[in-house]
Amino acid sequence: MKSKPLSIFYLLFCFFLWDCGNKTLNEEKVLFEIKKGDSIHIVSEHLKSENIIRSPFNFKLLAKLKGKDSKLKFGVYQIKENASYAELIDLFTSGQIYSVKVTIPEGFNIFQIADLLSQEGLVKKEVFLNETIHPSIYIGEFPSIKNLEGCLYPDTYLIPYNYNAGQIIELMVENFRKNVSRETLNQIKSKGLNLNKILIMASIVEKEARLESEKPIIAGVYYNRLKKGMKLQADPTLIYALILSGRYDGEIRFRDFPLDSPYNTYKCYGLPPGPIANPSKSSILAAIHPKNVEFYYFVAKQDGTHYFSKTLQEHNQAVYQYQKLPAIEKRRKKKESS
């Protein structure tokens, strides 16, 4: 009669040989979802129907022998090519669900974020946008916030593939909370402002500035215009108004300036009713701590920096020098080459 240790060794050896013959059928990486509440039986049948395994019985038996048949964790998993059944079971009980790395650039608006998430296959654009109109669900501690534009913090995220729109928004809003600290909120309060107004200004600054060093100056210019009762006349706000109206095609035309929208600061005085993008922390700080300047105007130069002016006459001269002259020269060169 064989000894017990030898019998166990023999069984394990046979099991090893048996397991080696049970490999997944996929020749490349595939995604597979275990839904909440799925049993080992349901999972094995789904694996079979998706042509990932050949034998549901062997898969269930192995899970039982490993003591993991009731320890499967729901989520979307990436299965490597020709994985063993043992590797598959270990994966499904590890909770290492498949995630997508997504970078939200600074200054992206909710429509651009929705497009990006849709392109990554994470959520449908319309579903995501519909979820953003309920700010109180996600950031109810700030009653001045009327929508989630401005609160979806730009950063790089690892988003689990099975996350819904609400869970993705929670990730971004939680990151927003971490970056807009209690100290920052106290600074806003001490200036007699609210978070919504700061985010509005920060979003405009974000869209205007290329250099970090210019952000406090641009914020200072816009605050000066507000104090003097001047219209902001910020191109990014008109662009956002055109986006909302479904009219933006990448260009601003003279016919667009009279557009009837509260976001059009060429027509309306004061700040627009909400942020026009999702700003970075540096833009938020610039909106809180603008530079004390005497400028009321600025124009973008060809290198992306800006020329700042105190008077309209100086500004008009700068517009001619930095925008109109280069445009004339460009048309001339194009004509000569044709």
Protein backbone atom coordinates (compact mmCIF):
# COMPACT_ATOMS: atom_id res chain seq x y z
CA MET A 1 0.00 0.00 0.00
CA LYS A 2 1.37 3.41 -0.99
CA SER A 3 2.10 5.92 1.70
CA LYS A 4 -0.15 8.97 1.96
CA PRO A 5 2.57 11.54 1.03
CA LEU A 6 3.47 9.51 -2.06
CA SER A 7 -0.19 9.32 -3.10
CA ILE A 8 -0.58 13.08 -2.72
CA PHE A 9 2.59 13.64 -4.73
CA TYR A 10 1.33 11.31 -7.45
CA LEU A 11 -2.03 13.08 -7.60
CA LEU A 12 -0.38 16.49 -7.78
CA PHE A 13 1.92 15.27 -10.54
CA CYS A 14 -1.00 13.92 -12.54
CA PHE A 15 -2.87 17.12 -11.91
CA PHE A 16 0.10 19.14 -13.19
CA LEU A 17 0.18 17.11 -16.42
CA TRP A 18 -3.58 17.47 -16.76
CA ASP A 19 -3.47 21.23 -16.20
CA CYS A 20 -0.75 21.69 -18.79
CA GLY A 21 -3.15 20.35 -21.37
CA ASN A 22 -5.84 22.87 -20.48
CA LYS A 23 -4.96 26.16 -22.14
CA THR A 24 -7.16 28.98 -23.31
CA LEU A 25 -7.96 28.96 -27.00
CA ASN A 26 -7.35 32.65 -27.69
CA GLU A 27 -4.28 33.35 -29.81
CA GLU A 28 -4.14 37.00 -28.71
CA LYS A 29 -5.15 39.03 -25.67
CA VAL A 30 -8.89 39.26 -25.11
CA LEU A 31 -11.18 41.01 -22.64
CA PHE A 32 -13.64 39.06 -20.54
CA GLU A 33 -16.19 40.37 -18.05
CA ILE A 34 -17.37 38.71 -14.86
CA LYS A 35 -20.53 40.41 -13.75
CA LYS A 36 -21.42 40.90 -10.10
CA GLY A 37 -23.06 37.75 -8.76
CA ASP A 38 -21.81 35.46 -11.54
CA SER A 39 -21.18 31.91 -10.28
CA ILE A 40 -18.31 29.66 -11.39
CA HIS A 41 -20.84 27.80 -13.55
CA ILE A 42 -21.98 30.95 -15.34
CA VAL A 43 -18.39 32.13 -15.83
CA SER A 44 -17.25 28.80 -17.25
CA GLU A 45 -20.17 28.68 -19.68
CA HIS A 46 -19.47 32.23 -20.83
CA LEU A 47 -15.81 31.36 -21.35
CA LYS A 48 -16.91 28.44 -23.48
CA SER A 49 -19.42 30.48 -25.51
CA GLU A 50 -16.77 33.14 -26.21
CA ASN A 51 -14.40 30.40 -27.41
CA ILE A 52 -11.85 31.07 -24.68
CA ILE A 53 -11.89 27.60 -23.06
CA ARG A 54 -12.74 24.18 -24.44
CA SER A 55 -13.94 22.44 -21.26
CA PRO A 56 -16.15 24.21 -18.70
CA PHE A 57 -16.06 21.01 -16.61
CA ASN A 58 -12.26 21.02 -16.34
CA PHE A 59 -12.26 24.74 -15.54
CA LYS A 60 -14.83 24.31 -12.75
CA LEU A 61 -13.05 21.24 -11.40
CA LEU A 62 -9.74 23.05 -11.22
CA ALA A 63 -11.32 26.04 -9.49
CA LYS A 64 -12.87 23.68 -6.96
CA LEU A 65 -9.60 21.84 -6.32
CA LYS A 66 -7.82 25.18 -5.84
CA GLY A 67 -10.50 26.28 -3.40
CA LYS A 68 -11.30 29.34 -5.51
CA ASP A 69 -14.62 28.42 -7.10
CA SER A 70 -16.49 30.84 -4.83
CA LYS A 71 -13.85 33.58 -4.78
CA LEU A 72 -14.25 35.06 -8.26
CA LYS A 73 -14.23 38.87 -8.33
CA PHE A 74 -16.38 40.77 -10.79
CA GLY A 75 -14.85 43.12 -13.34
CA VAL A 76 -13.31 43.14 -16.81
CA TYR A 77 -10.11 41.12 -17.18
CA GLN A 78 -7.52 40.93 -19.92
CA ILE A 79 -6.70 37.29 -20.67
CA LYS A 80 -3.30 36.66 -22.22
CA GLU A 81 -2.97 34.32 -25.16
CA ASN A 82 -2.93 30.56 -24.40
CA ALA A 83 -3.15 31.04 -20.64
CA SER A 84 -3.46 27.96 -18.49
CA TYR A 85 -6.70 27.35 -16.64
CA ALA A 86 -4.78 27.83 -13.40
CA GLU A 87 -3.57 31.24 -14.53
CA LEU A 88 -7.10 32.12 -15.56
CA ILE A 89 -8.51 31.22 -12.15
CA ASP A 90 -5.74 33.10 -10.37
CA LEU A 91 -6.50 36.15 -12.53
CA PHE A 92 -10.23 36.03 -11.81
CA THR A 93 -9.63 35.84 -8.07
CA SER A 94 -6.90 38.50 -7.98
CA GLY A 95 -9.16 41.48 -8.62
CA GLN A 96 -6.57 42.85 -11.06
CA ILE A 97 -9.18 44.13 -13.45
CA TYR A 98 -8.29 45.62 -16.81
CA SER A 99 -7.86 49.41 -16.76
CA VAL A 100 -7.35 51.96 -19.50
CA LYS A 101 -4.79 54.73 -19.12
CA VAL A 102 -6.39 58.01 -20.12
CA THR A 103 -4.80 61.47 -20.02
CA ILE A 104 -7.17 64.44 -19.75
CA PRO A 105 -5.20 67.48 -20.99
CA GLU A 106 -5.39 70.75 -19.09
CA GLY A 107 -8.11 72.94 -20.56
CA PHE A 108 -10.25 70.17 -22.03
CA ASN A 109 -13.97 70.85 -21.77
CA ILE A 110 -16.58 68.23 -20.92
CA PHE A 111 -17.33 67.62 -24.61
CA GLN A 112 -13.68 66.88 -25.37
CA ILE A 113 -13.45 64.62 -22.32
CA ALA A 114 -16.59 62.76 -23.41
CA ASP A 115 -15.13 62.31 -26.90
CA LEU A 116 -11.86 60.98 -25.49
CA LEU A 117 -13.55 58.51 -23.14
CA SER A 118 -15.77 57.33 -26.00
CA GLN A 119 -12.76 56.81 -28.27
CA GLU A 120 -11.17 54.67 -25.54
CA GLY A 121 -14.30 52.52 -25.45
CA LEU A 122 -15.03 53.37 -21.81
CA VAL A 123 -18.41 55.11 -22.05
CA LYS A 124 -20.71 56.54 -24.69
CA LYS A 125 -20.36 60.29 -25.18
CA GLU A 126 -24.06 61.03 -24.65
CA VAL A 127 -24.20 58.96 -21.46
CA PHE A 128 -21.21 60.78 -19.98
CA LEU A 129 -22.55 64.23 -20.88
CA ASN A 130 -25.98 63.43 -19.42
CA GLU A 131 -24.32 62.48 -16.14
CA THR A 132 -22.43 65.80 -15.89
CA ILE A 133 -25.65 67.82 -15.52
CA HIS A 134 -26.11 66.54 -11.95
CA PRO A 135 -23.31 68.28 -10.01
CA SER A 136 -25.00 67.99 -6.61
CA ILE A 137 -24.62 64.21 -6.75
CA TYR A 138 -20.86 64.45 -7.02
CA ILE A 139 -19.86 67.75 -5.49
CA GLY A 140 -22.84 68.84 -3.40
CA GLU A 141 -20.63 70.48 -0.76
CA PHE A 142 -20.15 73.41 -3.15
CA PRO A 143 -23.62 74.87 -3.83
CA SER A 144 -22.18 77.56 -6.12
CA ILE A 145 -21.21 74.83 -8.63
CA LYS A 146 -23.98 74.58 -11.22
CA ASN A 147 -22.44 71.96 -13.50
CA LEU A 148 -19.37 69.75 -13.52
CA GLU A 149 -17.50 71.76 -16.14
CA GLY A 150 -14.43 72.95 -14.28
CA CYS A 151 -14.49 70.12 -11.71
CA LEU A 152 -13.27 67.22 -13.87
CA TYR A 153 -9.63 67.60 -12.95
CA PRO A 154 -7.15 67.24 -15.83
CA ASP A 155 -4.72 64.41 -15.10
CA THR A 156 -3.74 60.88 -16.13
CA TYR A 157 -6.14 58.21 -14.89
CA LEU A 158 -6.19 54.42 -14.82
CA ILE A 159 -9.88 53.77 -15.38
CA PRO A 160 -11.25 50.24 -14.87
CA TYR A 161 -12.83 49.10 -18.11
CA ASN A 162 -16.17 48.30 -16.51
CA TYR A 163 -16.60 51.68 -14.81
CA ASN A 164 -19.77 53.56 -15.72
CA ALA A 165 -20.01 57.30 -16.35
CA GLY A 166 -20.76 58.07 -12.72
CA GLN A 167 -17.76 56.15 -11.43
CA ILE A 168 -15.45 57.87 -13.92
CA ILE A 169 -16.78 61.26 -12.85
CA GLU A 170 -16.22 60.34 -9.20
CA LEU A 171 -12.55 59.61 -9.98
CA MET A 172 -12.07 63.04 -11.55
CA VAL A 173 -14.04 64.95 -8.93
CA GLU A 174 -12.15 63.26 -6.11
CA ASN A 175 -8.90 64.32 -7.78
CA PHE A 176 -10.33 67.84 -8.00
CA ARG A 177 -10.97 67.82 -4.25
CA LYS A 178 -7.38 66.75 -3.57
CA ASN A 179 -6.00 69.60 -5.66
CA VAL A 180 -8.41 72.26 -4.42
CA SER A 181 -7.42 71.98 -0.77
CA ARG A 182 -9.08 73.44 2.30
CA GLU A 183 -6.33 76.08 2.34
CA THR A 184 -7.20 77.03 -1.24
CA LEU A 185 -10.88 77.29 -0.40
CA ASN A 186 -10.08 79.53 2.57
CA GLN A 187 -8.06 81.81 0.31
CA ILE A 188 -11.04 82.08 -2.05
CA LYS A 189 -13.36 82.89 0.84
CA SER A 190 -11.00 85.53 2.23
CA LYS A 191 -11.21 87.39 -1.09
CA GLY A 192 -15.01 87.46 -0.95
CA LEU A 193 -15.36 85.14 -3.93
CA ASN A 194 -16.90 81.72 -4.42
CA LEU A 195 -15.42 78.62 -6.01
CA ASN A 196 -17.60 78.84 -9.10
CA LYS A 197 -16.35 82.34 -9.99
CA ILE A 198 -12.74 81.28 -9.44
CA LEU A 199 -13.21 78.25 -11.70
CA ILE A 200 -14.79 80.43 -14.38
CA MET A 201 -11.83 82.80 -14.39
CA ALA A 202 -9.34 79.92 -14.11
CA SER A 203 -10.90 78.17 -17.11
CA ILE A 204 -10.58 81.31 -19.25
CA VAL A 205 -6.97 81.79 -18.14
CA GLU A 206 -6.26 78.13 -18.94
CA LYS A 207 -7.52 78.52 -22.48
CA GLU A 208 -5.65 81.78 -23.10
CA ALA A 209 -2.23 81.04 -21.60
CA ARG A 210 0.54 78.87 -22.96
CA LEU A 211 3.20 79.96 -20.47
CA GLU A 212 2.71 79.33 -16.76
CA SER A 213 4.35 82.69 -16.03
CA GLU A 214 1.68 84.55 -18.00
CA LYS A 215 -1.30 83.04 -16.18
CA PRO A 216 -1.35 85.52 -13.23
CA ILE A 217 -0.87 88.42 -15.68
CA ILE A 218 -3.79 87.32 -17.87
CA ALA A 219 -5.95 86.89 -14.77
CA GLY A 220 -4.93 90.40 -13.68
CA VAL A 221 -5.95 91.83 -17.07
CA TYR A 222 -9.40 90.25 -16.90
CA TYR A 223 -9.98 91.37 -13.31
CA ASN A 224 -8.98 94.91 -14.35
CA ARG A 225 -11.55 94.82 -17.14
CA LEU A 226 -14.25 93.60 -14.75
CA LYS A 227 -13.46 96.34 -12.24
CA LYS A 228 -13.68 98.98 -14.95
CA GLY A 229 -16.99 97.63 -16.26
CA MET A 230 -15.49 96.51 -19.56
CA LYS A 231 -16.54 93.38 -21.42
CA LEU A 232 -14.01 90.58 -21.13
CA GLN A 233 -14.07 89.98 -24.89
CA ALA A 234 -12.34 86.62 -24.42
CA ASP A 235 -12.19 84.47 -27.55
CA PRO A 236 -12.39 81.17 -25.61
CA THR A 237 -15.77 82.16 -24.17
CA LEU A 238 -17.14 82.84 -27.66
CA ILE A 239 -15.77 79.51 -28.84
CA TYR A 240 -17.53 77.75 -25.94
CA ALA A 241 -20.77 79.56 -26.79
CA LEU A 242 -20.42 78.38 -30.38
CA ILE A 243 -19.81 74.80 -29.17
CA LEU A 244 -22.98 74.93 -27.07
CA SER A 245 -24.95 76.20 -30.04
CA GLY A 246 -23.48 73.55 -32.33
CA ARG A 247 -21.93 76.16 -34.61
CA TYR A 248 -18.21 75.87 -33.92
CA ASP A 249 -16.14 74.52 -36.80
CA GLY A 250 -12.68 75.49 -35.58
CA GLU A 251 -12.83 79.14 -36.66
CA ILE A 252 -14.27 82.39 -35.28
CA ARG A 253 -15.88 84.63 -37.90
CA PHE A 254 -17.18 88.20 -37.69
CA ARG A 255 -20.75 86.92 -37.91
CA ASP A 256 -20.19 84.96 -34.68
CA PHE A 257 -19.49 87.96 -32.43
CA PRO A 258 -23.15 88.97 -31.94
CA LEU A 259 -24.09 85.42 -30.92
CA ASP A 260 -26.80 85.58 -28.28
CA SER A 261 -25.34 83.50 -25.44
CA PRO A 262 -24.51 84.25 -21.79
CA TYR A 263 -21.11 82.68 -22.51
CA ASN A 264 -20.32 85.23 -25.22
CA THR A 265 -18.27 87.88 -23.41
CA TYR A 266 -18.12 89.97 -26.59
CA LYS A 267 -21.83 90.63 -26.08
CA CYS A 268 -22.36 90.17 -22.35
CA TYR A 269 -20.72 91.99 -19.45
CA GLY A 270 -19.18 90.18 -16.50
CA LEU A 271 -18.17 86.56 -16.22
CA PRO A 272 -19.98 83.83 -18.14
CA PRO A 273 -22.36 81.74 -15.99
CA GLY A 274 -19.98 78.78 -15.68
CA PRO A 275 -16.49 77.51 -16.49
CA ILE A 276 -15.65 76.90 -20.14
CA ALA A 277 -13.07 74.16 -19.50
CA ASN A 278 -11.40 72.16 -16.76
CA PRO A 279 -8.43 74.16 -15.46
CA SER A 280 -5.17 73.05 -13.89
CA LYS A 281 -4.18 73.92 -10.35
CA SER A 282 -1.82 76.65 -11.58
CA SER A 283 -4.68 78.38 -13.41
CA ILE A 284 -6.89 78.13 -10.32
CA LEU A 285 -4.12 79.71 -8.23
CA ALA A 286 -3.66 82.43 -10.87
CA ALA A 287 -7.38 83.23 -10.61
CA ILE A 288 -7.06 83.46 -6.82
CA HIS A 289 -3.80 85.40 -6.87
CA PRO A 290 -3.74 87.53 -10.03
CA LYS A 291 -0.76 89.75 -10.69
CA ASN A 292 -1.28 93.44 -9.92
CA VAL A 293 -0.85 94.92 -13.41
CA GLU A 294 -1.99 98.05 -15.24
CA PHE A 295 -2.84 96.21 -18.44
CA TYR A 296 -6.33 96.01 -19.95
CA TYR A 297 -5.52 94.26 -23.22
CA PHE A 298 -3.35 91.50 -24.64
CA VAL A 299 -2.79 89.87 -28.00
CA ALA A 300 -1.24 86.52 -28.88
CA LYS A 301 2.07 86.57 -30.73
CA GLN A 302 3.11 83.96 -33.26
CA ASP A 303 5.15 82.03 -30.67
CA GLY A 304 2.16 81.65 -28.35
CA THR A 305 3.25 84.30 -25.86
CA HIS A 306 1.32 87.55 -25.42
CA TYR A 307 1.89 91.27 -25.73
CA PHE A 308 0.15 93.23 -22.98
CA SER A 309 -1.10 96.79 -23.40
CA LYS A 310 -2.44 99.54 -21.16
CA THR A 311 -4.40 101.45 -23.81
CA LEU A 312 -6.61 100.53 -26.75
CA GLN A 313 -4.35 102.46 -29.11
CA GLU A 314 -1.31 100.45 -28.00
CA HIS A 315 -3.35 97.26 -28.26
CA ASN A 316 -4.46 98.02 -31.83
CA GLN A 317 -0.86 98.61 -32.82
CA ALA A 318 0.12 95.28 -31.25
CA VAL A 319 -2.70 93.48 -33.07
CA TYR A 320 -1.44 94.88 -36.36
CA GLN A 321 2.19 93.95 -35.59
CA TYR A 322 1.67 90.48 -34.15
CA GLN A 323 -1.39 89.22 -36.02
CA LYS A 324 -2.31 91.22 -39.11
CA LEU A 325 1.21 91.64 -40.53
CA PRO A 326 2.08 87.91 -40.15
CA ALA A 327 -1.25 87.03 -41.80
CA ILE A 328 -0.50 89.37 -44.72
CA GLU A 329 2.98 87.88 -45.08
CA LYS A 330 1.57 84.38 -45.02
CA ARG A 331 -0.91 85.16 -47.79
CA ARG A 332 1.85 86.77 -49.84
CA LYS A 333 4.10 83.71 -49.58
CA LYS A 334 1.23 81.41 -50.42
CA LYS A 335 0.41 83.46 -53.51
CA GLU A 336 4.04 83.45 -54.65
CA SER A 337 4.33 79.67 -54.28
CA SER A 338 1.16 78.95 -56.24
